[in-house]
């Protein structure tokens, strides 16, 4: 079972709509779905909420440390409440998935994602659950930093929100530890939106 849900991002108005904040968007939507208020708790360096779900205490955490120090926040809360790494799920942006896709996985490396890198270091392991929210890749490694800190185009943002919505609906399954069922729901990509019908020009009047 999952006892701690974490969404990664950067605090501050200038980062709110950037791709790197996809994890924040997800956690905020989960909090709304579960009717959980998030408030700043300096002891855990983040916005924190708590509720009861499936008969157990569930924590929601949005680190306010900036992305590359996310582990400071996650480890502080997890250690105080004795939450094991395998009872943690971290939602984050994923370059290797296109907008519209999300993948649930357990363990693995950090693949250069700075938030995961610090969580690995602070927990001493990579054995926790991740929800990878696709943001796409700019195609050139040197452009990655600008890409993740840039705002997605409207159609990309809409696709990301669809993936987030599917994942939010699977939150109860995730907390219960029913990961296979959650994966079936999350990994099912929404069908492409139909294009509006092409408007044909009106027929020209016949020549007199």
N, C-alpha and C. Protein backbone atom coordinates (compact mmCIF):
# COMPACT_ATOMS: atom_id res chain seq x y z
N UNK A 1 0.84 -1.20 0.00
CA UNK A 1 0.00 0.00 0.00
C UNK A 1 0.87 1.25 0.00
N UNK A 2 0.34 2.31 -0.56
CA UNK A 2 1.06 3.58 -0.63
C UNK A 2 0.57 4.49 0.50
N UNK A 3 1.53 5.06 1.22
CA UNK A 3 1.21 5.94 2.34
C UNK A 3 1.61 7.39 2.09
N UNK A 4 2.42 7.63 1.05
CA UNK A 4 2.87 8.99 0.75
C UNK A 4 2.85 9.22 -0.76
N UNK A 5 2.09 10.24 -1.19
CA UNK A 5 2.05 10.67 -2.58
C UNK A 5 2.82 11.97 -2.69
N UNK A 6 3.77 12.01 -3.62
CA UNK A 6 4.62 13.18 -3.80
C UNK A 6 4.49 13.69 -5.22
N UNK A 7 4.38 14.99 -5.39
CA UNK A 7 4.40 15.60 -6.72
C UNK A 7 5.59 16.53 -6.81
N UNK A 8 6.43 16.37 -7.84
CA UNK A 8 7.64 17.18 -7.97
C UNK A 8 7.42 18.39 -8.87
N UNK A 9 8.13 19.46 -8.54
CA UNK A 9 8.07 20.68 -9.32
C UNK A 9 8.93 21.75 -8.68
N UNK A 10 8.79 22.97 -9.17
CA UNK A 10 9.49 24.11 -8.60
C UNK A 10 8.46 25.10 -8.06
N UNK A 11 8.69 25.65 -6.86
CA UNK A 11 7.76 26.64 -6.31
C UNK A 11 7.92 27.99 -7.00
N UNK A 12 6.88 28.80 -6.95
CA UNK A 12 6.96 30.14 -7.51
C UNK A 12 6.09 30.32 -8.74
N UNK A 13 5.54 31.52 -8.87
CA UNK A 13 4.63 31.83 -9.98
C UNK A 13 5.27 31.60 -11.34
N UNK A 14 6.58 31.92 -11.45
CA UNK A 14 7.24 31.84 -12.76
C UNK A 14 7.37 30.41 -13.26
N UNK A 15 7.19 29.42 -12.36
CA UNK A 15 7.34 28.01 -12.76
C UNK A 15 6.00 27.27 -12.86
N UNK A 16 4.93 27.90 -12.45
CA UNK A 16 3.64 27.20 -12.32
C UNK A 16 3.22 26.45 -13.57
N UNK A 17 3.38 27.07 -14.72
CA UNK A 17 2.87 26.49 -15.97
C UNK A 17 3.94 25.78 -16.78
N UNK A 18 5.12 25.53 -16.20
CA UNK A 18 6.20 24.90 -16.95
C UNK A 18 6.09 23.38 -16.92
N UNK A 19 6.71 22.73 -17.90
CA UNK A 19 6.65 21.27 -18.01
C UNK A 19 7.21 20.57 -16.77
N UNK A 20 8.22 21.18 -16.16
CA UNK A 20 8.87 20.56 -15.00
C UNK A 20 7.92 20.45 -13.81
N UNK A 21 6.79 21.14 -13.87
CA UNK A 21 5.84 21.13 -12.76
C UNK A 21 4.69 20.16 -12.96
N UNK A 22 4.84 19.23 -13.88
CA UNK A 22 3.76 18.25 -14.13
C UNK A 22 3.42 17.47 -12.87
N UNK A 23 4.42 17.15 -12.06
CA UNK A 23 4.16 16.44 -10.80
C UNK A 23 3.33 17.26 -9.83
N UNK A 24 3.58 18.57 -9.79
CA UNK A 24 2.77 19.48 -8.97
C UNK A 24 1.32 19.46 -9.44
N UNK A 25 1.12 19.53 -10.78
CA UNK A 25 -0.24 19.55 -11.33
C UNK A 25 -0.99 18.30 -10.89
N UNK A 26 -0.30 17.15 -10.97
CA UNK A 26 -0.93 15.89 -10.60
C UNK A 26 -1.33 15.88 -9.13
N UNK A 27 -0.41 16.27 -8.26
CA UNK A 27 -0.71 16.23 -6.83
C UNK A 27 -1.83 17.19 -6.47
N UNK A 28 -1.86 18.36 -7.10
CA UNK A 28 -2.93 19.32 -6.84
C UNK A 28 -4.28 18.74 -7.26
N UNK A 29 -4.32 18.03 -8.39
CA UNK A 29 -5.57 17.41 -8.84
C UNK A 29 -5.99 16.27 -7.90
N UNK A 30 -5.03 15.49 -7.41
CA UNK A 30 -5.34 14.44 -6.44
C UNK A 30 -5.90 15.06 -5.17
N UNK A 31 -5.28 16.14 -4.70
CA UNK A 31 -5.75 16.81 -3.49
C UNK A 31 -7.19 17.30 -3.66
N UNK A 32 -7.51 17.86 -4.85
CA UNK A 32 -8.88 18.31 -5.10
C UNK A 32 -9.84 17.12 -5.12
N UNK A 33 -9.41 16.03 -5.77
CA UNK A 33 -10.27 14.84 -5.86
C UNK A 33 -10.57 14.26 -4.48
N UNK A 34 -9.58 14.24 -3.61
CA UNK A 34 -9.73 13.67 -2.27
C UNK A 34 -10.17 14.70 -1.23
N UNK A 35 -10.33 15.97 -1.69
CA UNK A 35 -10.74 17.07 -0.79
C UNK A 35 -9.74 17.24 0.36
N UNK A 36 -8.46 17.28 0.00
CA UNK A 36 -7.38 17.46 0.97
C UNK A 36 -6.77 18.84 0.79
N UNK A 37 -6.69 19.61 1.87
CA UNK A 37 -6.06 20.93 1.83
C UNK A 37 -4.55 20.77 2.03
N UNK A 38 -3.78 21.44 1.20
CA UNK A 38 -2.32 21.44 1.33
C UNK A 38 -1.88 22.73 2.02
N UNK A 39 -1.03 22.62 3.02
CA UNK A 39 -0.53 23.80 3.72
C UNK A 39 0.96 23.65 4.00
N UNK A 40 1.63 24.77 4.09
CA UNK A 40 3.07 24.76 4.28
C UNK A 40 3.44 24.22 5.66
N UNK A 41 4.34 23.25 5.67
CA UNK A 41 4.88 22.70 6.91
C UNK A 41 6.40 22.77 6.81
N UNK A 42 7.00 23.70 7.54
CA UNK A 42 8.43 23.92 7.44
C UNK A 42 9.24 22.72 7.91
N UNK A 43 8.67 21.90 8.78
CA UNK A 43 9.40 20.72 9.25
C UNK A 43 9.69 19.75 8.11
N UNK A 44 8.82 19.77 7.07
CA UNK A 44 8.98 18.86 5.94
C UNK A 44 9.29 19.60 4.65
N UNK A 45 9.56 20.90 4.76
CA UNK A 45 10.02 21.70 3.61
C UNK A 45 9.07 21.62 2.43
N UNK A 46 7.77 21.62 2.70
CA UNK A 46 6.84 21.52 1.60
C UNK A 46 5.40 21.78 2.00
N UNK A 47 4.52 21.74 1.00
CA UNK A 47 3.08 21.79 1.23
C UNK A 47 2.61 20.38 1.53
N UNK A 48 1.91 20.22 2.65
CA UNK A 48 1.57 18.89 3.16
C UNK A 48 0.07 18.79 3.41
N UNK A 49 -0.48 17.64 3.10
CA UNK A 49 -1.88 17.35 3.41
C UNK A 49 -1.99 15.93 3.93
N UNK A 50 -3.05 15.66 4.68
CA UNK A 50 -3.24 14.32 5.24
C UNK A 50 -4.72 13.97 5.19
N UNK A 51 -5.00 12.70 4.90
CA UNK A 51 -6.37 12.21 4.89
C UNK A 51 -6.37 10.74 5.27
N UNK A 52 -7.56 10.20 5.41
CA UNK A 52 -7.74 8.76 5.63
C UNK A 52 -8.30 8.16 4.36
N UNK A 53 -7.65 7.14 3.85
CA UNK A 53 -8.12 6.46 2.64
C UNK A 53 -7.85 4.97 2.79
N UNK A 54 -8.87 4.19 2.48
CA UNK A 54 -8.75 2.73 2.61
C UNK A 54 -8.34 2.34 4.04
N UNK A 55 -8.83 3.10 5.02
CA UNK A 55 -8.58 2.75 6.42
C UNK A 55 -7.19 3.05 6.91
N UNK A 56 -6.42 3.84 6.14
CA UNK A 56 -5.08 4.17 6.59
C UNK A 56 -4.80 5.65 6.36
N UNK A 57 -3.77 6.14 7.03
CA UNK A 57 -3.37 7.53 6.88
C UNK A 57 -2.61 7.69 5.56
N UNK A 58 -3.00 8.67 4.77
CA UNK A 58 -2.34 8.96 3.50
C UNK A 58 -1.84 10.39 3.53
N UNK A 59 -0.55 10.57 3.21
CA UNK A 59 0.07 11.88 3.16
C UNK A 59 0.25 12.33 1.73
N UNK A 60 0.03 13.62 1.50
CA UNK A 60 0.30 14.24 0.20
C UNK A 60 1.37 15.30 0.43
N UNK A 61 2.36 15.35 -0.45
CA UNK A 61 3.50 16.24 -0.27
C UNK A 61 3.91 16.90 -1.58
N UNK A 62 4.08 18.21 -1.52
CA UNK A 62 4.59 19.00 -2.65
C UNK A 62 5.84 19.73 -2.15
N UNK A 63 7.02 19.19 -2.38
CA UNK A 63 8.24 19.83 -1.88
C UNK A 63 8.38 21.27 -2.37
N UNK A 64 8.81 22.16 -1.48
CA UNK A 64 9.01 23.56 -1.82
C UNK A 64 10.49 23.92 -1.80
N UNK A 65 11.33 22.94 -2.05
CA UNK A 65 12.78 23.09 -1.96
C UNK A 65 13.44 23.40 -3.29
N UNK A 66 12.67 23.47 -4.36
CA UNK A 66 13.13 23.44 -5.74
C UNK A 66 13.51 21.99 -6.09
N UNK A 67 13.40 21.71 -7.38
CA UNK A 67 13.45 20.33 -7.85
C UNK A 67 14.69 19.57 -7.38
N UNK A 68 15.87 20.19 -7.46
CA UNK A 68 17.09 19.44 -7.21
C UNK A 68 17.34 19.13 -5.74
N UNK A 69 16.46 19.60 -4.86
CA UNK A 69 16.57 19.28 -3.43
C UNK A 69 15.29 18.58 -2.93
N UNK A 70 14.56 17.96 -3.82
CA UNK A 70 13.29 17.32 -3.47
C UNK A 70 13.46 16.27 -2.38
N UNK A 71 14.57 15.55 -2.40
CA UNK A 71 14.80 14.49 -1.42
C UNK A 71 14.84 14.98 0.00
N UNK A 72 15.25 16.22 0.20
CA UNK A 72 15.28 16.80 1.56
C UNK A 72 13.89 16.80 2.16
N UNK A 73 12.90 17.15 1.36
CA UNK A 73 11.51 17.20 1.81
C UNK A 73 10.93 15.79 1.98
N UNK A 74 11.12 14.96 0.96
CA UNK A 74 10.55 13.60 0.98
C UNK A 74 11.11 12.79 2.14
N UNK A 75 12.42 12.83 2.32
CA UNK A 75 13.04 12.02 3.38
C UNK A 75 12.64 12.50 4.77
N UNK A 76 12.47 13.82 4.94
CA UNK A 76 12.10 14.36 6.25
C UNK A 76 10.75 13.80 6.70
N UNK A 77 9.76 13.82 5.79
CA UNK A 77 8.43 13.33 6.15
C UNK A 77 8.43 11.81 6.29
N UNK A 78 9.06 11.14 5.34
CA UNK A 78 9.05 9.66 5.35
C UNK A 78 9.72 9.11 6.61
N UNK A 79 10.82 9.68 7.00
CA UNK A 79 11.53 9.17 8.18
C UNK A 79 10.77 9.46 9.46
N UNK A 80 10.17 10.64 9.56
CA UNK A 80 9.45 10.97 10.80
C UNK A 80 8.26 10.04 11.01
N UNK A 81 7.53 9.74 9.94
CA UNK A 81 6.33 8.90 10.05
C UNK A 81 6.61 7.44 9.71
N UNK A 82 7.90 7.10 9.59
CA UNK A 82 8.31 5.70 9.36
C UNK A 82 7.62 5.10 8.13
N UNK A 83 7.66 5.86 7.04
CA UNK A 83 7.12 5.39 5.76
C UNK A 83 8.27 4.80 4.94
N UNK A 84 8.15 3.54 4.58
CA UNK A 84 9.20 2.85 3.83
C UNK A 84 9.24 3.35 2.38
N UNK A 85 10.39 3.28 1.72
CA UNK A 85 10.47 3.72 0.32
C UNK A 85 9.43 3.08 -0.59
N UNK A 86 9.17 1.78 -0.39
CA UNK A 86 8.20 1.10 -1.26
C UNK A 86 6.76 1.53 -0.99
N UNK A 87 6.54 2.35 0.03
CA UNK A 87 5.21 2.90 0.33
C UNK A 87 5.07 4.34 -0.17
N UNK A 88 6.01 4.77 -1.00
CA UNK A 88 6.03 6.13 -1.54
C UNK A 88 5.81 6.09 -3.05
N UNK A 89 4.99 7.01 -3.56
CA UNK A 89 4.86 7.21 -5.00
C UNK A 89 5.23 8.66 -5.32
N UNK A 90 6.11 8.83 -6.29
CA UNK A 90 6.57 10.16 -6.72
C UNK A 90 6.10 10.41 -8.15
N UNK A 91 5.35 11.47 -8.36
CA UNK A 91 4.90 11.86 -9.70
C UNK A 91 5.85 12.93 -10.24
N UNK A 92 6.31 12.75 -11.48
CA UNK A 92 7.28 13.68 -12.04
C UNK A 92 7.16 13.74 -13.55
N UNK A 93 7.73 14.78 -14.15
CA UNK A 93 7.76 14.94 -15.60
C UNK A 93 8.74 13.94 -16.21
N UNK A 94 8.42 13.48 -17.40
CA UNK A 94 9.24 12.44 -18.05
C UNK A 94 9.52 12.81 -19.51
N UNK A 95 10.78 13.06 -19.81
CA UNK A 95 11.19 13.43 -21.17
C UNK A 95 10.99 12.31 -22.17
N UNK A 96 11.11 11.06 -21.73
CA UNK A 96 11.08 9.92 -22.65
C UNK A 96 9.67 9.47 -23.01
N UNK A 97 8.66 10.18 -22.55
CA UNK A 97 7.28 9.88 -22.93
C UNK A 97 6.66 11.12 -23.56
N UNK A 98 5.87 10.96 -24.61
CA UNK A 98 5.23 12.11 -25.23
C UNK A 98 4.06 12.63 -24.39
N UNK A 99 3.68 13.88 -24.55
CA UNK A 99 2.49 14.38 -23.87
C UNK A 99 1.28 13.50 -24.19
N UNK A 100 0.50 13.19 -23.18
CA UNK A 100 -0.66 12.30 -23.37
C UNK A 100 -0.42 10.92 -22.81
N UNK A 101 0.85 10.59 -22.52
CA UNK A 101 1.16 9.30 -21.92
C UNK A 101 1.62 9.47 -20.47
N UNK A 102 1.32 8.48 -19.66
CA UNK A 102 1.82 8.41 -18.28
C UNK A 102 2.09 6.94 -17.99
N UNK A 103 3.12 6.68 -17.23
CA UNK A 103 3.49 5.30 -16.91
C UNK A 103 3.79 5.17 -15.42
N UNK A 104 3.29 4.08 -14.86
CA UNK A 104 3.54 3.75 -13.46
C UNK A 104 4.62 2.68 -13.42
N UNK A 105 5.64 2.87 -12.59
CA UNK A 105 6.70 1.88 -12.49
C UNK A 105 7.27 1.88 -11.08
N UNK A 106 7.96 0.77 -10.76
CA UNK A 106 8.63 0.66 -9.46
C UNK A 106 10.13 0.58 -9.67
N UNK A 107 10.86 1.38 -8.88
CA UNK A 107 12.31 1.30 -8.87
C UNK A 107 12.94 1.77 -10.17
N UNK A 108 14.26 1.53 -10.26
CA UNK A 108 15.02 1.95 -11.42
C UNK A 108 15.91 3.13 -11.11
N UNK A 109 16.56 3.64 -12.15
CA UNK A 109 17.46 4.77 -11.98
C UNK A 109 16.72 6.09 -12.02
N UNK A 110 17.49 7.18 -11.95
CA UNK A 110 16.85 8.50 -11.97
C UNK A 110 16.88 9.12 -13.36
N UNK A 111 17.65 8.53 -14.30
CA UNK A 111 17.69 8.98 -15.70
C UNK A 111 17.99 10.47 -15.84
N UNK A 112 18.75 11.01 -14.89
CA UNK A 112 19.13 12.41 -14.96
C UNK A 112 18.09 13.38 -14.45
N UNK A 113 16.93 12.88 -13.99
CA UNK A 113 15.91 13.76 -13.43
C UNK A 113 16.37 14.20 -12.04
N UNK A 114 16.61 15.50 -11.87
CA UNK A 114 17.27 15.98 -10.66
C UNK A 114 16.48 15.76 -9.39
N UNK A 115 15.15 15.79 -9.49
CA UNK A 115 14.34 15.52 -8.31
C UNK A 115 14.51 14.09 -7.85
N UNK A 116 14.44 13.16 -8.80
CA UNK A 116 14.63 11.75 -8.47
C UNK A 116 16.05 11.49 -7.97
N UNK A 117 17.02 12.17 -8.58
CA UNK A 117 18.41 12.00 -8.17
C UNK A 117 18.58 12.30 -6.67
N UNK A 118 17.97 13.40 -6.22
CA UNK A 118 18.12 13.78 -4.81
C UNK A 118 17.31 12.86 -3.89
N UNK A 119 16.15 12.41 -4.37
CA UNK A 119 15.36 11.45 -3.57
C UNK A 119 16.13 10.16 -3.39
N UNK A 120 16.75 9.68 -4.47
CA UNK A 120 17.61 8.49 -4.39
C UNK A 120 18.67 8.68 -3.30
N UNK A 121 19.34 9.84 -3.35
CA UNK A 121 20.44 10.09 -2.42
C UNK A 121 19.95 10.17 -0.98
N UNK A 122 18.82 10.83 -0.76
CA UNK A 122 18.33 11.04 0.60
C UNK A 122 17.70 9.78 1.20
N UNK A 123 17.02 8.99 0.36
CA UNK A 123 16.41 7.75 0.87
C UNK A 123 17.43 6.61 0.89
N UNK A 124 18.49 6.74 0.10
CA UNK A 124 19.50 5.69 0.02
C UNK A 124 19.08 4.52 -0.86
N UNK A 125 18.06 4.73 -1.68
CA UNK A 125 17.56 3.67 -2.55
C UNK A 125 16.69 4.26 -3.65
N UNK A 126 16.54 3.54 -4.74
CA UNK A 126 15.60 3.92 -5.79
C UNK A 126 14.35 3.08 -5.77
N UNK A 127 14.18 2.29 -4.71
CA UNK A 127 13.06 1.35 -4.63
C UNK A 127 11.78 2.00 -4.12
N UNK A 128 11.27 2.94 -4.91
CA UNK A 128 9.97 3.55 -4.62
C UNK A 128 9.21 3.63 -5.94
N UNK A 129 7.92 3.88 -5.86
CA UNK A 129 7.07 3.94 -7.05
C UNK A 129 7.19 5.31 -7.70
N UNK A 130 7.07 5.32 -9.03
CA UNK A 130 7.08 6.58 -9.77
C UNK A 130 5.90 6.62 -10.74
N UNK A 131 5.34 7.79 -10.89
CA UNK A 131 4.35 8.05 -11.94
C UNK A 131 5.01 9.02 -12.90
N UNK A 132 5.34 8.53 -14.09
CA UNK A 132 6.07 9.30 -15.09
C UNK A 132 5.06 9.96 -16.04
N UNK A 133 5.03 11.28 -16.02
CA UNK A 133 4.06 12.04 -16.82
C UNK A 133 4.80 12.61 -18.03
N UNK A 134 4.40 12.17 -19.21
CA UNK A 134 5.12 12.53 -20.43
C UNK A 134 5.06 14.01 -20.76
N UNK A 135 6.24 14.58 -21.07
CA UNK A 135 6.30 15.98 -21.52
C UNK A 135 6.96 16.08 -22.89
N UNK A 136 7.44 14.94 -23.42
CA UNK A 136 8.14 14.94 -24.70
C UNK A 136 9.57 15.42 -24.56
N UNK A 137 10.31 15.33 -25.65
CA UNK A 137 11.74 15.69 -25.67
C UNK A 137 11.98 16.71 -26.78
N UNK A 138 12.82 17.71 -26.53
CA UNK A 138 13.06 18.71 -27.57
C UNK A 138 13.83 18.17 -28.77
N UNK A 139 14.43 16.98 -28.62
CA UNK A 139 15.17 16.38 -29.71
C UNK A 139 16.66 16.63 -29.67
N UNK A 140 17.07 17.61 -28.90
CA UNK A 140 18.48 17.96 -28.76
C UNK A 140 18.80 18.05 -27.27
N UNK A 141 19.81 17.32 -26.84
CA UNK A 141 20.13 17.27 -25.41
C UNK A 141 20.43 18.64 -24.83
N UNK A 142 21.08 19.49 -25.60
CA UNK A 142 21.45 20.82 -25.10
C UNK A 142 20.25 21.71 -24.84
N UNK A 143 19.08 21.33 -25.37
CA UNK A 143 17.88 22.14 -25.20
C UNK A 143 16.98 21.64 -24.07
N UNK A 144 17.39 20.56 -23.40
CA UNK A 144 16.53 19.94 -22.38
C UNK A 144 16.19 20.92 -21.26
N UNK A 145 17.18 21.64 -20.75
CA UNK A 145 16.93 22.56 -19.63
C UNK A 145 15.90 23.61 -19.99
N UNK A 146 16.04 24.22 -21.18
CA UNK A 146 15.05 25.21 -21.61
C UNK A 146 13.69 24.58 -21.84
N UNK A 147 13.68 23.34 -22.31
CA UNK A 147 12.43 22.64 -22.60
C UNK A 147 11.63 22.38 -21.31
N UNK A 148 12.29 21.80 -20.31
CA UNK A 148 11.55 21.45 -19.10
C UNK A 148 11.09 22.70 -18.35
N UNK A 149 11.84 23.81 -18.49
CA UNK A 149 11.46 25.04 -17.81
C UNK A 149 10.61 25.96 -18.70
N UNK A 150 10.23 25.43 -19.85
CA UNK A 150 9.35 26.18 -20.75
C UNK A 150 7.90 25.72 -20.59
N UNK A 151 7.00 26.50 -21.15
CA UNK A 151 5.57 26.17 -21.07
C UNK A 151 5.16 25.34 -22.29
N UNK A 152 4.42 24.27 -22.08
CA UNK A 152 3.97 23.46 -23.22
C UNK A 152 2.98 24.24 -24.08
N UNK A 153 2.95 23.90 -25.36
CA UNK A 153 1.95 24.49 -26.25
C UNK A 153 0.57 24.01 -25.82
N UNK A 154 -0.49 24.75 -26.15
CA UNK A 154 -1.83 24.40 -25.66
C UNK A 154 -2.23 22.96 -25.93
N UNK A 155 -1.92 22.43 -27.13
CA UNK A 155 -2.32 21.05 -27.42
C UNK A 155 -1.50 20.05 -26.59
N UNK A 156 -0.23 20.40 -26.29
CA UNK A 156 0.59 19.55 -25.43
C UNK A 156 0.05 19.57 -23.99
N UNK A 157 -0.31 20.75 -23.51
CA UNK A 157 -0.84 20.88 -22.16
C UNK A 157 -2.15 20.10 -22.02
N UNK A 158 -3.00 20.18 -23.05
CA UNK A 158 -4.27 19.45 -23.02
C UNK A 158 -4.02 17.94 -22.96
N UNK A 159 -3.04 17.45 -23.74
CA UNK A 159 -2.72 16.02 -23.72
C UNK A 159 -2.17 15.61 -22.36
N UNK A 160 -1.32 16.46 -21.79
CA UNK A 160 -0.77 16.16 -20.46
C UNK A 160 -1.87 16.10 -19.42
N UNK A 161 -2.82 17.02 -19.52
CA UNK A 161 -3.92 17.03 -18.54
C UNK A 161 -4.80 15.79 -18.67
N UNK A 162 -4.95 15.27 -19.90
CA UNK A 162 -5.72 14.04 -20.08
C UNK A 162 -5.02 12.87 -19.39
N UNK A 163 -3.69 12.80 -19.53
CA UNK A 163 -2.93 11.74 -18.87
C UNK A 163 -3.00 11.88 -17.35
N UNK A 164 -2.91 13.11 -16.88
CA UNK A 164 -3.01 13.36 -15.44
C UNK A 164 -4.38 12.95 -14.92
N UNK A 165 -5.43 13.28 -15.67
CA UNK A 165 -6.79 12.93 -15.25
C UNK A 165 -6.97 11.42 -15.13
N UNK A 166 -6.42 10.65 -16.09
CA UNK A 166 -6.49 9.20 -15.99
C UNK A 166 -5.78 8.70 -14.74
N UNK A 167 -4.65 9.31 -14.45
CA UNK A 167 -3.85 8.90 -13.30
C UNK A 167 -4.54 9.24 -11.99
N UNK A 168 -5.19 10.39 -11.94
CA UNK A 168 -5.90 10.80 -10.73
C UNK A 168 -7.04 9.83 -10.44
N UNK A 169 -7.72 9.38 -11.50
CA UNK A 169 -8.82 8.43 -11.30
C UNK A 169 -8.32 7.09 -10.76
N UNK A 170 -7.04 6.81 -10.98
CA UNK A 170 -6.45 5.55 -10.50
C UNK A 170 -5.82 5.70 -9.12
N UNK A 171 -5.94 6.87 -8.50
CA UNK A 171 -5.26 7.12 -7.23
C UNK A 171 -5.67 6.14 -6.13
N UNK A 172 -6.96 5.83 -6.07
CA UNK A 172 -7.41 4.90 -5.03
C UNK A 172 -6.81 3.51 -5.24
N UNK A 173 -6.74 3.07 -6.49
CA UNK A 173 -6.11 1.78 -6.79
C UNK A 173 -4.64 1.79 -6.38
N UNK A 174 -3.96 2.90 -6.66
CA UNK A 174 -2.55 3.02 -6.30
C UNK A 174 -2.37 2.91 -4.79
N UNK A 175 -3.18 3.64 -4.05
CA UNK A 175 -3.06 3.63 -2.59
C UNK A 175 -3.33 2.24 -2.03
N UNK A 176 -4.27 1.52 -2.64
CA UNK A 176 -4.57 0.16 -2.18
C UNK A 176 -3.48 -0.83 -2.57
N UNK A 177 -2.58 -0.41 -3.44
CA UNK A 177 -1.52 -1.31 -3.90
C UNK A 177 -1.94 -2.19 -5.05
N UNK A 178 -3.06 -1.86 -5.69
CA UNK A 178 -3.53 -2.63 -6.84
C UNK A 178 -2.89 -2.06 -8.11
N UNK A 179 -1.59 -2.26 -8.21
CA UNK A 179 -0.81 -1.58 -9.24
C UNK A 179 -1.11 -2.07 -10.66
N UNK A 180 -1.40 -3.36 -10.83
CA UNK A 180 -1.71 -3.85 -12.17
C UNK A 180 -2.98 -3.21 -12.71
N UNK A 181 -4.00 -3.11 -11.86
CA UNK A 181 -5.24 -2.46 -12.28
C UNK A 181 -5.00 -0.98 -12.56
N UNK A 182 -4.19 -0.35 -11.70
CA UNK A 182 -3.88 1.06 -11.91
C UNK A 182 -3.15 1.27 -13.23
N UNK A 183 -2.21 0.37 -13.54
CA UNK A 183 -1.46 0.48 -14.79
C UNK A 183 -2.38 0.36 -16.00
N UNK A 184 -3.33 -0.56 -15.94
CA UNK A 184 -4.26 -0.73 -17.06
C UNK A 184 -5.02 0.56 -17.32
N UNK A 185 -5.39 1.25 -16.25
CA UNK A 185 -6.15 2.50 -16.40
C UNK A 185 -5.25 3.65 -16.85
N UNK A 186 -4.06 3.74 -16.27
CA UNK A 186 -3.18 4.86 -16.55
C UNK A 186 -2.54 4.74 -17.93
N UNK A 187 -2.13 3.52 -18.30
CA UNK A 187 -1.37 3.33 -19.53
C UNK A 187 -2.23 3.34 -20.79
N UNK A 188 -3.54 3.34 -20.63
CA UNK A 188 -4.44 3.37 -21.78
C UNK A 188 -4.55 4.79 -22.29
N UNK A 189 -3.87 5.05 -23.39
CA UNK A 189 -3.83 6.41 -23.93
C UNK A 189 -5.17 6.76 -24.54
N UNK A 190 -5.58 8.01 -24.30
CA UNK A 190 -6.85 8.47 -24.87
C UNK A 190 -6.74 8.50 -26.39
N UNK A 191 -7.85 8.17 -27.09
CA UNK A 191 -7.81 8.24 -28.56
C UNK A 191 -7.59 9.67 -29.01
N UNK A 192 -6.97 9.86 -30.19
CA UNK A 192 -6.75 11.23 -30.67
C UNK A 192 -8.05 11.98 -30.86
N UNK A 193 -8.00 13.25 -30.59
CA UNK A 193 -9.21 14.06 -30.76
C UNK A 193 -9.56 14.18 -32.24
N UNK A 194 -10.84 14.01 -32.58
CA UNK A 194 -11.21 14.13 -34.00
C UNK A 194 -10.99 15.55 -34.49
N UNK A 195 -10.51 15.65 -35.73
CA UNK A 195 -10.33 16.97 -36.32
C UNK A 195 -11.69 17.52 -36.74
N UNK A 196 -11.87 18.83 -36.62
CA UNK A 196 -13.15 19.40 -37.06
C UNK A 196 -13.35 19.17 -38.55
N UNK A 197 -14.59 18.96 -38.97
CA UNK A 197 -14.83 18.71 -40.41
C UNK A 197 -14.38 19.90 -41.25
N UNK A 198 -13.81 19.56 -42.38
CA UNK A 198 -13.34 20.61 -43.28
C UNK A 198 -14.52 21.31 -43.92
N UNK A 199 -14.47 22.62 -43.90
CA UNK A 199 -15.57 23.39 -44.51
C UNK A 199 -15.29 23.56 -45.99
N UNK A 200 -16.22 23.03 -46.77
CA UNK A 200 -16.08 23.16 -48.22
C UNK A 200 -16.59 24.53 -48.65
N UNK A 201 -15.92 25.15 -49.62
CA UNK A 201 -16.40 26.45 -50.10
C UNK A 201 -17.75 26.28 -50.78
N UNK A 202 -18.59 27.26 -50.67
CA UNK A 202 -19.91 27.15 -51.32
C UNK A 202 -19.75 27.03 -52.82
N UNK A 203 -20.64 26.28 -53.46
CA UNK A 203 -20.51 26.12 -54.94
C UNK A 203 -20.66 27.47 -55.62
N UNK A 204 -19.89 27.65 -56.64
CA UNK A 204 -19.97 28.92 -57.38
C UNK A 204 -21.24 28.93 -58.23
N UNK A 205 -21.77 30.08 -58.43
CA UNK A 205 -22.99 30.20 -59.21
C UNK A 205 -22.71 29.86 -60.67
N UNK A 206 -23.62 29.18 -61.33
CA UNK A 206 -23.40 28.83 -62.74
C UNK A 206 -23.33 30.10 -63.60
N UNK A 207 -22.53 30.03 -64.62
CA UNK A 207 -22.39 31.18 -65.53
C UNK A 207 -23.70 31.43 -66.25
N UNK A 208 -24.05 32.67 -66.42
CA UNK A 208 -25.32 32.96 -67.15
C UNK A 208 -25.24 32.53 -68.61
